[in-house]
Amino acid sequence: MAATAAFEFRDDAEAPVLALRGDWTVDTIAALEADLRDITERLKPGLVVDVAELGRIDVAGAYLVDRTFRDSAGDEARIAIRGKHDTAMQLLAAARKSAVAPASKPHG
């Protein structure tokens, strides 16, 4: 059975931290979307994503984290990772690489 996905946002002395807990998969993340949107304005460049208590993560979970960060800090901002979680690092990098900038409106 999947562990419930959760997060905690805190302002540490060094940088703001988004700590992920549980399994961030397509089956567990739907309930988090509104809460993540609520903290978007508090996120900023320099954000650290703490994966020390993260269980499983899939492409959907990585996309949600990356989209939340891009919505607040912009497409060019980097996500710093705290803790060791090889799958999270690979999937977050892939989500960032595959993010497509919105198309500009045609002139005329």
Protein backbone atom coordinates (compact mmCIF):
# COMPACT_ATOMS: atom_id res chain seq x y z
CA MET A 1 0.00 0.00 0.00
CA ALA A 2 1.24 3.48 -0.87
CA ALA A 3 2.33 5.85 1.89
CA THR A 4 0.29 9.05 1.94
CA ALA A 5 2.01 11.89 0.10
CA ALA A 6 2.58 14.99 2.20
CA PHE A 7 4.83 18.03 2.39
CA GLU A 8 5.97 20.65 4.84
CA PHE A 9 7.09 24.14 3.86
CA ARG A 10 9.40 26.01 6.19
CA ASP A 11 11.69 29.01 6.05
CA ASP A 12 15.07 27.77 7.30
CA ALA A 13 17.82 30.26 8.08
CA GLU A 14 19.71 29.27 4.91
CA ALA A 15 16.85 28.84 2.42
CA PRO A 16 13.15 28.02 2.16
CA VAL A 17 12.59 24.24 2.28
CA LEU A 18 9.86 22.09 0.75
CA ALA A 19 10.16 18.75 2.56
CA LEU A 20 8.47 15.83 0.78
CA ARG A 21 7.16 12.79 2.68
CA GLY A 22 5.49 9.57 1.64
CA ASP A 23 4.94 8.33 -1.90
CA TRP A 24 4.57 10.98 -4.61
CA THR A 25 2.93 8.95 -7.35
CA VAL A 26 0.00 9.35 -9.72
CA ASP A 27 -2.13 7.47 -7.17
CA THR A 28 -1.28 9.72 -4.19
CA ILE A 29 -0.67 13.31 -5.31
CA ALA A 30 -4.10 14.58 -6.40
CA ALA A 31 -5.00 15.78 -2.90
CA LEU A 32 -1.81 17.88 -2.70
CA GLU A 33 -2.33 20.06 -5.74
CA ALA A 34 -4.50 22.74 -4.07
CA ASP A 35 -2.23 22.95 -1.01
CA LEU A 36 0.84 23.33 -3.22
CA ARG A 37 -0.86 26.11 -5.18
CA ASP A 38 -1.55 27.87 -1.86
CA ILE A 39 2.17 28.09 -1.04
CA THR A 40 3.35 28.99 -4.56
CA GLU A 41 3.71 32.69 -3.73
CA ARG A 42 5.95 31.86 -0.75
CA LEU A 43 8.39 29.85 -2.85
CA LYS A 44 11.33 31.69 -4.35
CA PRO A 45 14.67 31.07 -6.04
CA GLY A 46 17.01 29.25 -3.68
CA LEU A 47 14.29 26.81 -2.63
CA VAL A 48 15.55 23.47 -1.35
CA VAL A 49 13.53 20.30 -1.90
CA ASP A 50 14.21 17.91 0.98
CA VAL A 51 13.81 14.28 -0.12
CA ALA A 52 15.08 12.63 3.08
CA GLU A 53 11.60 11.29 3.97
CA LEU A 54 10.38 10.75 0.41
CA GLY A 55 9.24 7.23 -0.39
CA ARG A 56 8.45 6.40 -4.00
CA ILE A 57 8.17 9.03 -6.72
CA ASP A 58 7.07 8.71 -10.33
CA VAL A 59 6.91 11.07 -13.30
CA ALA A 60 3.60 12.56 -12.10
CA GLY A 61 5.04 13.39 -8.67
CA ALA A 62 8.19 14.90 -10.15
CA TYR A 63 6.13 16.96 -12.60
CA LEU A 64 3.95 18.33 -9.77
CA VAL A 65 7.01 19.41 -7.75
CA ASP A 66 8.67 20.97 -10.80
CA ARG A 67 5.51 22.74 -11.97
CA THR A 68 4.91 24.16 -8.50
CA PHE A 69 8.45 25.51 -8.41
CA ARG A 70 8.34 26.89 -11.97
CA ASP A 71 5.02 28.63 -11.25
CA SER A 72 6.63 30.50 -8.36
CA ALA A 73 10.30 30.95 -9.16
CA GLY A 74 10.30 30.88 -12.95
CA ASP A 75 11.49 28.48 -15.61
CA GLU A 76 15.18 29.32 -15.19
CA ALA A 77 15.38 28.80 -11.42
CA ARG A 78 17.13 25.64 -10.27
CA ILE A 79 15.82 23.25 -7.65
CA ALA A 80 18.37 22.33 -5.00
CA ILE A 81 17.97 18.84 -3.53
CA ARG A 82 18.68 17.98 0.11
CA GLY A 83 19.02 14.32 0.98
CA LYS A 84 19.75 11.31 -1.20
CA HIS A 85 17.09 9.86 -3.46
CA ASP A 86 18.44 8.83 -6.86
CA THR A 87 15.03 8.36 -8.48
CA ALA A 88 13.82 11.79 -7.33
CA MET A 89 16.94 13.46 -8.67
CA GLN A 90 16.59 11.76 -12.05
CA LEU A 91 12.86 12.42 -12.41
CA LEU A 92 13.05 16.05 -11.24
CA ALA A 93 15.83 16.68 -13.76
CA ALA A 94 13.77 15.01 -16.51
CA ALA A 95 10.66 17.02 -15.57
CA ARG A 96 12.61 20.27 -15.76
CA LYS A 97 14.22 19.33 -19.06
CA SER A 98 10.89 18.42 -20.65
CA ALA A 99 9.03 21.52 -19.44
CA VAL A 100 7.81 23.49 -22.42
CA ALA A 101 7.56 27.26 -22.26
CA PRO A 102 4.11 28.61 -23.14
CA ALA A 103 3.75 29.49 -26.80
CA SER A 104 3.76 33.18 -27.56
CA LYS A 105 0.61 34.66 -29.03
CA PRO A 106 0.75 35.14 -32.78
CA HIS A 107 0.92 38.73 -33.97
CA GLY A 108 -1.77 40.04 -36.20
